[in-house]
Amino acid sequence: MKFSKGVVNCRIAILILAAVLMIPAVLGMAGTRINYDMLDYLPEDMETVAGQNELMEEFGKGAFSFIIVEDMSGKDVSKLKEQIEQVEYVETVVWYDSLADLSVPMELLPEKIYREFNTDRSTMLAVFFDSSTSADITMDAIRNIRAVCGKQCYVSGMSALVTDMPYLFVKSWLPNTKINRTGTRSADDSADHVFFISFHLVQYCTSKK
C-alpha cells in the first residue's frame, strides 16, 4: 500500500526519470546492428556449423545462391556471369560455359541434365561466396548481385532469404514504406529496429500464454 502511494505521489518524478532513461535506450537501439548470421548462435560441434567451417577451410567457399535468368541469350548470360564474378566476396560462378564452349548447343546435353538447369525460358547459375551464409558481407554481395542482374534475374537461396528478411519486416509493419529492390544501409537499419521490436513483442506475447 505504501509503495503504491509512493508511486502516485512521485508520478511526475518517475515519468521524468523514464523519459530521461529512454534517451540512451533509443540511442543504443539505433547504434546496435542485429547479427543475422544464424550459425553464430549455434554450438561449434553442430553438424551444420562444422560442415560450413570445413567448406570455408578446405575449399574457401561458404554461402551459395542460385540465380534464375529469364529470356536471355546464352552470350548475354555468359556476360552476366562475368559481371557477377567481379562482385566482391563472390568466389565462383558456375554455369554451362564453365563446362563447355557456347558453340556447343546446350540441347546436346542429356535431357535429364538439361531439364535440371533449364526451362524453355530460363536457365540457372550457381554462385558460391567466400563468406558464411548469413554474414553481413554476404548480404552486401547479394544486394550487389541484384543490382547487376536487373529485373530478368531472381536470386534464391538461404543467403538471399536472410537478406530479404529485414525488408519483409519493414513492409509488414510499414506497408507504405518504399524500399528499392537491392536494399540500402539506411533501410537495413530501419529493418533492424522493426525486427528488434517485433522480436521482443513476440517474446512478450508468448510468455503471457
Foldseek 3Di string as FASTA:
>chain_A
DVVVVVCVVCVVVVVVVVVVVVVVVVVVLLPDADQLQVLVVDDCPDPLNVVQVCCLVPPLWAAKKKKKFFQDDPVVVVVLLVVLCPQPQWDHKDDPCVPPNVVDPPVPPPPVVSVVADDPTIGMMMITGSDHQAGPSLLLSQLVSPVSRDDRMDIDDSSVVSNCVLVVLCCVVPVVDDADPSGDVVSSSVSRSSCVVVVVVVVVVVVVD
